[in-house]
Amino acid sequence: TLFEKVLLKVQPHVVFTITDHWMQKFINDSPYRKCFKYIWMPPCDAEPQNIEWIEDMASCDAVLTYTDWAKEVIEKQSPRVKSRKPAPLALLQPRRAATDQ
């Protein structure tokens, strides 16, 4: 696949996606999966989560969530998921240039 070709050429240390399960499934299934760290930020807007999604989350090196609620939902379904707290809002704000002050 194109993904495997890019992996072989670029050889990334980390692959990070912010996407739905159906758009990232090929990453978990890649024969080169052990060659990079995979961080996934999936949407979580309902409970329970699909078992297949939870299994794929558990195979990631880290799972980021948008909210504390999503982190709790995912962890309640599987303690194997290495979830992280959402990023503080301050980190998501654009930095102002010195000339903007």
C-alpha atoms as a PDB file:
ATOM      1  CA  THR A   1       0.000   0.000   0.000  1.00  0.00           C
ATOM      2  CA  LEU A   2       0.965   3.633  -0.219  1.00  0.00           C
ATOM      3  CA  PHE A   3       1.265   3.763   3.575  1.00  0.00           C
ATOM      4  CA  GLU A   4       3.865   0.967   3.593  1.00  0.00           C
ATOM      5  CA  LYS A   5       5.814   2.647   0.787  1.00  0.00           C
ATOM      6  CA  VAL A   6       5.941   5.884   2.764  1.00  0.00           C
ATOM      7  CA  LEU A   7       6.971   4.033   5.932  1.00  0.00           C
ATOM      8  CA  LEU A   8       9.873   2.387   4.145  1.00  0.00           C
ATOM      9  CA  LYS A   9      11.021   5.654   2.599  1.00  0.00           C
ATOM     10  CA  VAL A  10      10.566   8.003   5.578  1.00  0.00           C
ATOM     11  CA  GLN A  11      11.078   5.515   8.444  1.00  0.00           C
ATOM     12  CA  PRO A  12       9.190   7.606  11.018  1.00  0.00           C
ATOM     13  CA  HIS A  13       9.708   7.031  14.719  1.00  0.00           C
ATOM     14  CA  VAL A  14       6.119   8.079  15.457  1.00  0.00           C
ATOM     15  CA  VAL A  15       2.860   7.953  13.514  1.00  0.00           C
ATOM     16  CA  PHE A  16       0.106  10.164  14.958  1.00  0.00           C
ATOM     17  CA  THR A  17      -3.485  10.223  13.734  1.00  0.00           C
ATOM     18  CA  ILE A  18      -6.580  12.176  14.711  1.00  0.00           C
ATOM     19  CA  THR A  19      -9.297  10.193  13.007  1.00  0.00           C
ATOM     20  CA  ASP A  20     -12.118   7.672  13.179  1.00  0.00           C
ATOM     21  CA  HIS A  21     -11.417   3.963  13.465  1.00  0.00           C
ATOM     22  CA  TRP A  22     -12.376   3.120   9.906  1.00  0.00           C
ATOM     23  CA  MET A  23      -9.851   5.671   8.585  1.00  0.00           C
ATOM     24  CA  GLN A  24      -6.875   4.306  10.560  1.00  0.00           C
ATOM     25  CA  LYS A  25      -7.417   0.549  10.610  1.00  0.00           C
ATOM     26  CA  PHE A  26      -4.707  -0.036   7.982  1.00  0.00           C
ATOM     27  CA  ILE A  27      -2.112   1.474  10.351  1.00  0.00           C
ATOM     28  CA  ASN A  28      -2.765  -1.111  13.082  1.00  0.00           C
ATOM     29  CA  ASP A  29      -2.777  -3.860  10.459  1.00  0.00           C
ATOM     30  CA  SER A  30       0.487  -2.780   8.823  1.00  0.00           C
ATOM     31  CA  PRO A  31       3.202  -5.461   8.659  1.00  0.00           C
ATOM     32  CA  TYR A  32       5.621  -2.672   9.759  1.00  0.00           C
ATOM     33  CA  ARG A  33       3.604  -1.788  12.882  1.00  0.00           C
ATOM     34  CA  LYS A  34       6.459  -2.778  15.224  1.00  0.00           C
ATOM     35  CA  CYS A  35       8.776  -0.314  13.454  1.00  0.00           C
ATOM     36  CA  PHE A  36       7.128   2.865  14.804  1.00  0.00           C
ATOM     37  CA  LYS A  37       5.297   4.206  17.838  1.00  0.00           C
ATOM     38  CA  TYR A  38       1.625   4.781  17.107  1.00  0.00           C
ATOM     39  CA  ILE A  39      -0.387   7.504  18.831  1.00  0.00           C
ATOM     40  CA  TRP A  40      -4.081   7.718  18.006  1.00  0.00           C
ATOM     41  CA  MET A  41      -6.631  10.359  19.000  1.00  0.00           C
ATOM     42  CA  PRO A  42     -10.001   8.760  18.200  1.00  0.00           C
ATOM     43  CA  PRO A  43     -13.368  10.384  18.731  1.00  0.00           C
ATOM     44  CA  CYS A  44     -15.365   8.984  21.631  1.00  0.00           C
ATOM     45  CA  ASP A  45     -18.909  10.310  21.804  1.00  0.00           C
ATOM     46  CA  ALA A  46     -20.858   7.335  23.150  1.00  0.00           C
ATOM     47  CA  GLU A  47     -20.566   4.334  25.381  1.00  0.00           C
ATOM     48  CA  PRO A  48     -19.915   1.537  25.184  1.00  0.00           C
ATOM     49  CA  GLN A  49     -17.290   1.757  22.474  1.00  0.00           C
ATOM     50  CA  ASN A  50     -17.180  -0.947  19.801  1.00  0.00           C
ATOM     51  CA  ILE A  51     -15.012  -3.869  20.988  1.00  0.00           C
ATOM     52  CA  GLU A  52     -12.959  -3.799  17.766  1.00  0.00           C
ATOM     53  CA  TRP A  53     -12.141  -0.117  18.390  1.00  0.00           C
ATOM     54  CA  ILE A  54     -11.086  -0.854  21.970  1.00  0.00           C
ATOM     55  CA  GLU A  55      -8.845  -3.697  20.786  1.00  0.00           C
ATOM     56  CA  ASP A  56      -7.170  -1.410  18.253  1.00  0.00           C
ATOM     57  CA  MET A  57      -6.753   1.286  20.913  1.00  0.00           C
ATOM     58  CA  ALA A  58      -5.077  -1.287  23.165  1.00  0.00           C
ATOM     59  CA  SER A  59      -2.537  -2.042  20.429  1.00  0.00           C
ATOM     60  CA  CYS A  60      -1.487   1.621  20.213  1.00  0.00           C
ATOM     61  CA  ASP A  61       1.474   2.997  22.101  1.00  0.00           C
ATOM     62  CA  ALA A  62      -0.738   5.840  23.344  1.00  0.00           C
ATOM     63  CA  VAL A  63      -4.334   6.963  22.931  1.00  0.00           C
ATOM     64  CA  LEU A  64      -5.224  10.623  23.391  1.00  0.00           C
ATOM     65  CA  THR A  65      -8.748  11.752  24.177  1.00  0.00           C
ATOM     66  CA  TYR A  66     -10.582  14.989  23.559  1.00  0.00           C
ATOM     67  CA  THR A  67     -12.199  14.995  27.015  1.00  0.00           C
ATOM     68  CA  ASP A  68     -11.828  13.500  30.473  1.00  0.00           C
ATOM     69  CA  TRP A  69     -15.200  11.780  29.944  1.00  0.00           C
ATOM     70  CA  ALA A  70     -13.879   9.966  26.847  1.00  0.00           C
ATOM     71  CA  LYS A  71     -10.780   8.868  28.773  1.00  0.00           C
ATOM     72  CA  GLU A  72     -12.997   7.398  31.512  1.00  0.00           C
ATOM     73  CA  VAL A  73     -15.231   5.589  28.983  1.00  0.00           C
ATOM     74  CA  ILE A  74     -12.259   4.003  27.222  1.00  0.00           C
ATOM     75  CA  GLU A  75     -10.443   3.032  30.418  1.00  0.00           C
ATOM     76  CA  LYS A  76     -13.629   1.562  31.924  1.00  0.00           C
ATOM     77  CA  GLN A  77     -13.930  -0.759  28.929  1.00  0.00           C
ATOM     78  CA  SER A  78     -10.284  -1.757  28.850  1.00  0.00           C
ATOM     79  CA  PRO A  79      -7.506  -1.043  31.320  1.00  0.00           C
ATOM     80  CA  ARG A  80      -5.064  -2.222  28.601  1.00  0.00           C
ATOM     81  CA  VAL A  81      -5.592   1.021  26.666  1.00  0.00           C
ATOM     82  CA  LYS A  82      -2.724   3.426  27.380  1.00  0.00           C
ATOM     83  CA  SER A  83      -4.856   6.574  27.392  1.00  0.00           C
ATOM     84  CA  ARG A  84      -3.604  10.034  28.183  1.00  0.00           C
ATOM     85  CA  LYS A  85      -5.399  13.061  29.542  1.00  0.00           C
ATOM     86  CA  PRO A  86      -6.623  15.611  27.020  1.00  0.00           C
ATOM     87  CA  ALA A  87      -4.278  18.434  26.165  1.00  0.00           C
ATOM     88  CA  PRO A  88      -4.798  21.529  28.322  1.00  0.00           C
ATOM     89  CA  LEU A  89      -6.717  24.213  26.457  1.00  0.00           C
ATOM     90  CA  ALA A  90      -3.770  26.590  26.836  1.00  0.00           C
ATOM     91  CA  LEU A  91      -1.661  24.293  24.642  1.00  0.00           C
ATOM     92  CA  LEU A  92      -4.258  24.420  21.893  1.00  0.00           C
ATOM     93  CA  GLN A  93      -4.334  28.232  21.708  1.00  0.00           C
ATOM     94  CA  PRO A  94      -2.250  29.784  18.936  1.00  0.00           C
ATOM     95  CA  ARG A  95       0.845  31.571  20.198  1.00  0.00           C
ATOM     96  CA  ARG A  96       0.960  35.287  19.705  1.00  0.00           C
ATOM     97  CA  ALA A  97       3.965  36.677  17.936  1.00  0.00           C
ATOM     98  CA  ALA A  98       5.995  39.319  19.764  1.00  0.00           C
ATOM     99  CA  THR A  99       4.793  41.870  17.202  1.00  0.00           C
ATOM    100  CA  ASP A 100       1.132  41.161  18.145  1.00  0.00           C
ATOM    101  CA  GLN A 101       1.544  42.532  21.674  1.00  0.00           C
END
